[in-house]
N, C-alpha and C. Protein backbone atom coordinates (compact mmCIF):
# COMPACT_ATOMS: atom_id res chain seq x y z
N UNK A 1 87.69 25.79 19.88
CA UNK A 1 88.92 25.01 19.84
C UNK A 1 88.70 23.67 20.54
N UNK A 2 89.19 22.61 19.94
CA UNK A 2 89.01 21.30 20.55
C UNK A 2 90.22 20.95 21.39
N UNK A 3 89.96 20.11 22.39
CA UNK A 3 91.04 19.67 23.26
C UNK A 3 91.83 18.57 22.56
N UNK A 4 93.14 18.49 22.82
CA UNK A 4 93.93 17.44 22.19
C UNK A 4 93.40 16.05 22.55
N UNK A 5 93.40 15.16 21.56
CA UNK A 5 92.97 13.79 21.78
C UNK A 5 91.47 13.58 21.68
N UNK A 6 90.69 14.63 21.45
CA UNK A 6 89.25 14.49 21.37
C UNK A 6 88.73 14.55 19.95
N UNK A 7 89.60 14.70 18.99
CA UNK A 7 89.16 14.76 17.60
C UNK A 7 88.84 13.36 17.10
N UNK A 8 87.71 13.25 16.43
CA UNK A 8 87.32 11.97 15.86
C UNK A 8 88.05 11.76 14.54
N UNK A 9 88.40 10.51 14.23
CA UNK A 9 89.06 10.27 12.94
C UNK A 9 88.08 10.55 11.81
N UNK A 10 88.60 10.93 10.64
CA UNK A 10 87.71 11.21 9.51
C UNK A 10 86.97 9.96 9.06
N UNK A 11 85.74 10.17 8.61
CA UNK A 11 84.92 9.05 8.15
C UNK A 11 85.26 8.68 6.71
N UNK A 12 85.07 7.41 6.42
CA UNK A 12 85.24 6.91 5.05
C UNK A 12 84.05 7.38 4.22
N UNK A 13 84.17 7.24 2.93
CA UNK A 13 83.09 7.64 2.03
C UNK A 13 81.88 6.72 2.24
N UNK A 14 80.69 7.19 1.88
CA UNK A 14 79.50 6.34 2.02
C UNK A 14 79.62 5.02 1.25
N UNK A 15 80.30 5.04 0.11
CA UNK A 15 80.48 3.81 -0.65
C UNK A 15 81.35 2.80 0.10
N UNK A 16 82.41 3.28 0.72
CA UNK A 16 83.31 2.40 1.49
C UNK A 16 82.56 1.83 2.68
N UNK A 17 81.81 2.67 3.37
CA UNK A 17 81.04 2.21 4.54
C UNK A 17 80.01 1.17 4.11
N UNK A 18 79.33 1.40 2.99
CA UNK A 18 78.34 0.43 2.49
C UNK A 18 79.02 -0.90 2.15
N UNK A 19 80.20 -0.84 1.56
CA UNK A 19 80.94 -2.07 1.25
C UNK A 19 81.33 -2.83 2.50
N UNK A 20 81.71 -2.10 3.54
CA UNK A 20 82.06 -2.75 4.81
C UNK A 20 80.83 -3.38 5.45
N UNK A 21 79.69 -2.70 5.37
CA UNK A 21 78.46 -3.27 5.91
C UNK A 21 78.10 -4.57 5.21
N UNK A 22 78.23 -4.58 3.89
CA UNK A 22 77.94 -5.79 3.12
C UNK A 22 78.90 -6.92 3.52
N UNK A 23 80.19 -6.59 3.63
CA UNK A 23 81.18 -7.59 4.02
C UNK A 23 80.90 -8.11 5.43
N UNK A 24 80.55 -7.22 6.35
CA UNK A 24 80.24 -7.63 7.73
C UNK A 24 79.03 -8.57 7.75
N UNK A 25 78.02 -8.28 6.94
CA UNK A 25 76.85 -9.17 6.86
C UNK A 25 77.24 -10.54 6.31
N UNK A 26 78.13 -10.57 5.32
CA UNK A 26 78.60 -11.84 4.75
C UNK A 26 79.39 -12.64 5.78
N UNK A 27 80.21 -11.95 6.57
CA UNK A 27 80.97 -12.61 7.64
C UNK A 27 79.99 -13.23 8.65
N UNK A 28 78.98 -12.47 9.05
CA UNK A 28 77.98 -12.98 10.00
C UNK A 28 77.29 -14.21 9.43
N UNK A 29 76.91 -14.16 8.19
CA UNK A 29 76.22 -15.28 7.55
C UNK A 29 77.09 -16.54 7.57
N UNK A 30 78.37 -16.41 7.22
CA UNK A 30 79.25 -17.58 7.18
C UNK A 30 79.53 -18.14 8.57
N UNK A 31 79.69 -17.27 9.55
CA UNK A 31 79.92 -17.77 10.91
C UNK A 31 78.67 -18.46 11.45
N UNK A 32 77.49 -17.94 11.13
CA UNK A 32 76.24 -18.57 11.54
C UNK A 32 76.09 -19.93 10.84
N UNK A 33 76.47 -19.98 9.55
CA UNK A 33 76.40 -21.26 8.81
C UNK A 33 77.31 -22.31 9.44
N UNK A 34 78.40 -21.85 10.07
CA UNK A 34 79.32 -22.76 10.75
C UNK A 34 78.79 -23.18 12.12
N UNK A 35 77.67 -22.58 12.53
CA UNK A 35 77.05 -22.96 13.80
C UNK A 35 77.44 -22.10 14.98
N UNK A 36 78.11 -21.00 14.73
CA UNK A 36 78.54 -20.14 15.82
C UNK A 36 77.51 -19.05 16.12
N UNK A 37 77.37 -18.69 17.40
CA UNK A 37 76.54 -17.53 17.71
C UNK A 37 77.27 -16.27 17.23
N UNK A 38 76.57 -15.42 16.51
CA UNK A 38 77.21 -14.25 15.92
C UNK A 38 76.21 -13.11 15.82
N UNK A 39 76.70 -11.90 15.98
CA UNK A 39 75.87 -10.71 15.78
C UNK A 39 76.75 -9.51 15.47
N UNK A 40 76.12 -8.49 14.93
CA UNK A 40 76.83 -7.26 14.59
C UNK A 40 76.96 -6.40 15.85
N UNK A 41 78.17 -6.28 16.34
CA UNK A 41 78.43 -5.47 17.53
C UNK A 41 78.27 -3.99 17.27
N UNK A 42 78.48 -3.56 16.03
CA UNK A 42 78.39 -2.14 15.71
C UNK A 42 76.96 -1.67 15.52
N UNK A 43 76.01 -2.59 15.39
CA UNK A 43 74.61 -2.21 15.17
C UNK A 43 73.79 -2.33 16.44
N UNK A 44 74.44 -2.70 17.54
CA UNK A 44 73.73 -2.81 18.80
C UNK A 44 72.76 -3.97 18.84
N UNK A 45 73.03 -5.03 18.07
CA UNK A 45 72.15 -6.19 18.05
C UNK A 45 72.30 -6.96 19.36
N UNK A 46 71.25 -6.98 20.14
CA UNK A 46 71.24 -7.75 21.38
C UNK A 46 72.04 -7.08 22.48
N UNK A 47 72.06 -7.74 23.65
CA UNK A 47 72.79 -7.18 24.79
C UNK A 47 74.30 -7.19 24.53
N UNK A 48 74.98 -6.20 25.09
CA UNK A 48 76.42 -6.04 24.88
C UNK A 48 77.20 -7.24 25.41
N UNK A 49 76.71 -7.87 26.46
CA UNK A 49 77.47 -8.97 27.07
C UNK A 49 77.11 -10.33 26.51
N UNK A 50 76.46 -10.36 25.37
CA UNK A 50 76.07 -11.62 24.72
C UNK A 50 77.32 -12.36 24.24
N UNK A 51 77.47 -13.65 24.59
CA UNK A 51 78.66 -14.39 24.15
C UNK A 51 78.59 -14.75 22.67
N UNK A 52 79.75 -14.97 22.10
CA UNK A 52 79.84 -15.39 20.70
C UNK A 52 80.70 -14.43 19.91
N UNK A 53 80.59 -14.53 18.58
CA UNK A 53 81.37 -13.68 17.68
C UNK A 53 80.63 -12.36 17.49
N UNK A 54 81.37 -11.28 17.62
CA UNK A 54 80.83 -9.95 17.34
C UNK A 54 81.57 -9.42 16.13
N UNK A 55 80.80 -8.95 15.16
CA UNK A 55 81.35 -8.42 13.93
C UNK A 55 81.11 -6.92 13.91
N UNK A 56 82.16 -6.18 13.60
CA UNK A 56 82.09 -4.72 13.57
C UNK A 56 82.52 -4.20 12.21
N UNK A 57 81.74 -3.30 11.66
CA UNK A 57 82.13 -2.56 10.45
C UNK A 57 82.34 -1.12 10.91
N UNK A 58 83.57 -0.67 10.89
CA UNK A 58 83.86 0.67 11.41
C UNK A 58 83.75 1.72 10.31
N UNK A 59 83.31 2.93 10.66
CA UNK A 59 83.06 3.95 9.64
C UNK A 59 84.24 4.86 9.32
N UNK A 60 85.32 4.82 10.09
CA UNK A 60 86.40 5.77 9.85
C UNK A 60 87.34 5.30 8.72
N UNK A 61 88.07 6.22 8.18
CA UNK A 61 88.94 5.97 7.03
C UNK A 61 89.89 4.80 7.28
N UNK A 62 90.49 4.75 8.44
CA UNK A 62 91.44 3.69 8.76
C UNK A 62 90.76 2.43 9.26
N UNK A 63 89.45 2.35 9.17
CA UNK A 63 88.69 1.25 9.72
C UNK A 63 88.64 0.03 8.83
N UNK A 64 87.65 -0.77 9.06
CA UNK A 64 87.47 -2.00 8.31
C UNK A 64 86.41 -2.85 8.95
N UNK A 65 86.47 -4.15 8.69
CA UNK A 65 85.57 -5.12 9.30
C UNK A 65 86.39 -5.98 10.25
N UNK A 66 85.92 -6.10 11.47
CA UNK A 66 86.65 -6.82 12.51
C UNK A 66 85.73 -7.82 13.20
N UNK A 67 86.32 -8.92 13.67
CA UNK A 67 85.59 -9.95 14.39
C UNK A 67 86.31 -10.21 15.70
N UNK A 68 85.54 -10.32 16.77
CA UNK A 68 86.11 -10.62 18.08
C UNK A 68 85.22 -11.66 18.75
N UNK A 69 85.78 -12.43 19.66
CA UNK A 69 85.03 -13.45 20.38
C UNK A 69 84.82 -13.01 21.82
N UNK A 70 83.62 -13.24 22.31
CA UNK A 70 83.27 -12.90 23.69
C UNK A 70 82.78 -14.16 24.40
N UNK A 71 83.35 -14.42 25.56
CA UNK A 71 82.91 -15.55 26.37
C UNK A 71 81.66 -15.14 27.14
N UNK A 72 81.05 -16.11 27.80
CA UNK A 72 79.92 -15.82 28.66
C UNK A 72 80.38 -14.89 29.79
N UNK A 73 79.47 -14.08 30.28
CA UNK A 73 79.79 -13.10 31.32
C UNK A 73 80.39 -13.75 32.56
N UNK A 74 79.93 -14.93 32.91
CA UNK A 74 80.43 -15.59 34.12
C UNK A 74 81.94 -15.84 34.04
N UNK A 75 82.40 -16.37 32.91
CA UNK A 75 83.83 -16.63 32.74
C UNK A 75 84.62 -15.34 32.61
N UNK A 76 84.10 -14.42 31.82
CA UNK A 76 84.78 -13.14 31.61
C UNK A 76 84.95 -12.39 32.92
N UNK A 77 83.88 -12.29 33.71
CA UNK A 77 83.92 -11.54 34.96
C UNK A 77 84.87 -12.19 35.96
N UNK A 78 84.81 -13.52 36.07
CA UNK A 78 85.69 -14.22 37.01
C UNK A 78 87.16 -13.97 36.68
N UNK A 79 87.50 -14.05 35.41
CA UNK A 79 88.89 -13.81 35.00
C UNK A 79 89.29 -12.36 35.21
N UNK A 80 88.40 -11.44 34.84
CA UNK A 80 88.71 -10.02 34.96
C UNK A 80 88.89 -9.59 36.41
N UNK A 81 88.06 -10.12 37.29
CA UNK A 81 88.18 -9.77 38.72
C UNK A 81 89.52 -10.22 39.29
N UNK A 82 89.94 -11.43 38.96
CA UNK A 82 91.24 -11.91 39.43
C UNK A 82 92.37 -11.11 38.81
N UNK A 83 92.25 -10.81 37.53
CA UNK A 83 93.27 -10.04 36.83
C UNK A 83 93.42 -8.66 37.48
N UNK A 84 92.30 -8.04 37.83
CA UNK A 84 92.31 -6.70 38.45
C UNK A 84 92.96 -6.72 39.83
N UNK A 85 92.90 -7.85 40.51
CA UNK A 85 93.50 -7.97 41.83
C UNK A 85 95.02 -8.11 41.74
N UNK A 86 95.50 -8.40 40.57
CA UNK A 86 96.93 -8.62 40.37
C UNK A 86 97.22 -10.11 40.38
N UNK A 87 97.89 -10.57 39.36
CA UNK A 87 98.19 -11.99 39.26
C UNK A 87 99.68 -12.18 38.97
N UNK A 88 100.13 -13.37 39.21
CA UNK A 88 101.48 -13.76 38.84
C UNK A 88 101.41 -14.21 37.39
N UNK A 89 101.94 -13.41 36.48
CA UNK A 89 101.84 -13.71 35.05
C UNK A 89 102.55 -15.00 34.66
N UNK A 90 103.54 -15.41 35.45
CA UNK A 90 104.23 -16.66 35.13
C UNK A 90 103.42 -17.88 35.56
N UNK A 91 102.43 -17.67 36.44
CA UNK A 91 101.58 -18.77 36.90
C UNK A 91 100.19 -18.23 37.22
N UNK A 92 99.43 -17.86 36.18
CA UNK A 92 98.12 -17.26 36.42
C UNK A 92 97.13 -18.27 37.02
N UNK A 93 96.13 -17.77 37.75
CA UNK A 93 95.11 -18.67 38.30
C UNK A 93 94.41 -19.45 37.19
N UNK A 94 93.90 -20.63 37.50
CA UNK A 94 93.26 -21.47 36.48
C UNK A 94 92.18 -20.77 35.67
N UNK A 95 91.33 -19.97 36.30
CA UNK A 95 90.25 -19.33 35.54
C UNK A 95 90.81 -18.30 34.55
N UNK A 96 91.86 -17.61 34.90
CA UNK A 96 92.49 -16.65 33.98
C UNK A 96 93.13 -17.40 32.82
N UNK A 97 93.80 -18.48 33.13
CA UNK A 97 94.43 -19.30 32.10
C UNK A 97 93.36 -19.89 31.17
N UNK A 98 92.25 -20.36 31.75
CA UNK A 98 91.17 -20.94 30.95
C UNK A 98 90.55 -19.89 30.04
N UNK A 99 90.28 -18.71 30.58
CA UNK A 99 89.69 -17.63 29.78
C UNK A 99 90.60 -17.30 28.60
N UNK A 100 91.89 -17.18 28.87
CA UNK A 100 92.85 -16.88 27.82
C UNK A 100 92.90 -17.99 26.78
N UNK A 101 92.86 -19.24 27.21
CA UNK A 101 92.89 -20.38 26.29
C UNK A 101 91.64 -20.39 25.41
N UNK A 102 90.48 -20.12 26.00
CA UNK A 102 89.24 -20.08 25.24
C UNK A 102 89.32 -19.00 24.17
N UNK A 103 89.75 -17.79 24.56
CA UNK A 103 89.84 -16.69 23.59
C UNK A 103 90.80 -17.02 22.46
N UNK A 104 91.96 -17.56 22.78
CA UNK A 104 92.94 -17.91 21.74
C UNK A 104 92.41 -19.02 20.84
N UNK A 105 91.78 -20.02 21.43
CA UNK A 105 91.23 -21.12 20.64
C UNK A 105 90.13 -20.66 19.70
N UNK A 106 89.27 -19.78 20.18
CA UNK A 106 88.18 -19.28 19.34
C UNK A 106 88.72 -18.34 18.26
N UNK A 107 89.73 -17.56 18.60
CA UNK A 107 90.35 -16.69 17.60
C UNK A 107 90.94 -17.54 16.47
N UNK A 108 91.63 -18.62 16.84
CA UNK A 108 92.20 -19.53 15.84
C UNK A 108 91.08 -20.14 14.99
N UNK A 109 90.00 -20.57 15.64
CA UNK A 109 88.88 -21.17 14.92
C UNK A 109 88.24 -20.17 13.96
N UNK A 110 88.04 -18.94 14.42
CA UNK A 110 87.45 -17.91 13.57
C UNK A 110 88.32 -17.65 12.34
N UNK A 111 89.62 -17.56 12.55
CA UNK A 111 90.54 -17.36 11.43
C UNK A 111 90.42 -18.50 10.42
N UNK A 112 90.39 -19.73 10.89
CA UNK A 112 90.32 -20.89 10.00
C UNK A 112 88.98 -20.96 9.28
N UNK A 113 87.90 -20.70 10.00
CA UNK A 113 86.57 -20.75 9.39
C UNK A 113 86.42 -19.68 8.32
N UNK A 114 86.84 -18.47 8.63
CA UNK A 114 86.69 -17.37 7.66
C UNK A 114 87.59 -17.58 6.44
N UNK A 115 88.78 -18.09 6.65
CA UNK A 115 89.67 -18.39 5.53
C UNK A 115 89.06 -19.48 4.66
N UNK A 116 88.53 -20.53 5.27
CA UNK A 116 87.91 -21.61 4.53
C UNK A 116 86.69 -21.13 3.74
N UNK A 117 85.98 -20.14 4.27
CA UNK A 117 84.80 -19.60 3.60
C UNK A 117 85.15 -18.63 2.47
N UNK A 118 86.46 -18.35 2.30
CA UNK A 118 86.88 -17.51 1.18
C UNK A 118 87.22 -16.07 1.52
N UNK A 119 87.33 -15.76 2.81
CA UNK A 119 87.66 -14.39 3.20
C UNK A 119 89.16 -14.22 3.34
N UNK A 120 89.63 -13.03 3.05
CA UNK A 120 91.02 -12.65 3.33
C UNK A 120 91.01 -12.10 4.75
N UNK A 121 91.76 -12.74 5.63
CA UNK A 121 91.80 -12.31 7.03
C UNK A 121 93.22 -12.04 7.46
N UNK A 122 93.32 -11.23 8.47
CA UNK A 122 94.62 -10.85 9.01
C UNK A 122 94.59 -11.11 10.51
N UNK A 123 95.63 -11.77 11.00
CA UNK A 123 95.71 -11.99 12.43
C UNK A 123 95.79 -10.65 13.14
N UNK A 124 95.21 -10.59 14.32
CA UNK A 124 95.18 -9.31 15.03
C UNK A 124 96.57 -8.84 15.46
N UNK A 125 96.71 -7.54 15.45
CA UNK A 125 97.90 -6.89 15.99
C UNK A 125 97.47 -6.33 17.34
N UNK A 126 97.96 -6.94 18.40
CA UNK A 126 97.55 -6.56 19.75
C UNK A 126 97.74 -5.11 20.08
N UNK A 127 98.63 -4.43 19.39
CA UNK A 127 98.88 -3.02 19.69
C UNK A 127 97.86 -2.09 19.04
N UNK A 128 97.23 -2.53 17.95
CA UNK A 128 96.28 -1.65 17.29
C UNK A 128 94.83 -2.10 17.44
N UNK A 129 94.57 -3.40 17.38
CA UNK A 129 93.18 -3.87 17.44
C UNK A 129 92.95 -4.93 18.49
N UNK A 130 93.86 -5.10 19.42
CA UNK A 130 93.66 -6.10 20.46
C UNK A 130 93.55 -7.48 19.86
N UNK A 131 92.49 -8.18 20.22
CA UNK A 131 92.31 -9.55 19.73
C UNK A 131 91.41 -9.63 18.51
N UNK A 132 91.00 -8.51 17.96
CA UNK A 132 90.07 -8.53 16.84
C UNK A 132 90.74 -8.94 15.53
N UNK A 133 90.07 -9.84 14.82
CA UNK A 133 90.53 -10.31 13.52
C UNK A 133 90.07 -9.29 12.46
N UNK A 134 90.97 -8.93 11.59
CA UNK A 134 90.65 -7.98 10.52
C UNK A 134 90.26 -8.79 9.28
N UNK A 135 89.02 -8.56 8.80
CA UNK A 135 88.56 -9.21 7.57
C UNK A 135 88.73 -8.20 6.46
N UNK A 136 89.63 -8.50 5.53
CA UNK A 136 89.98 -7.55 4.48
C UNK A 136 89.09 -7.66 3.26
N UNK A 137 88.40 -8.75 3.10
CA UNK A 137 87.51 -8.93 1.96
C UNK A 137 87.44 -10.38 1.57
N UNK A 138 86.78 -10.62 0.45
CA UNK A 138 86.70 -11.97 -0.09
C UNK A 138 87.90 -12.21 -1.00
N UNK A 139 88.36 -13.45 -1.02
CA UNK A 139 89.49 -13.79 -1.91
C UNK A 139 89.01 -13.64 -3.35
N UNK A 140 89.89 -13.13 -4.20
CA UNK A 140 89.51 -13.01 -5.62
C UNK A 140 89.33 -14.36 -6.27
């Protein structure tokens, strides 16, 4: 018997997973063509804390292809440490505000670049995928 909350979601068919892998590779290629550092986060390419765009192709039925932006460890750690200490959300420290501005700016840029390259993208829903952009496919 399994414990509640430990069940893994069902996997998509091999064909769906292969299609997502192809789409994720196309997303990586277009972001690299735009001059951005990019790698597949789901394939373990490079160190986990590498800055730039990370592209994920998830294998579960409800999954898809997602893109997220990661800042350099120095900025990320500085903001996270202050955030963990507790901050005044109405007036966050400059480094927290800067980190947030960078993430939002890069998310906006990623959305615009991918749309311009012909991808169908969906703005992230913070409740389900955090800041990750959902790439639904290429425009017909």
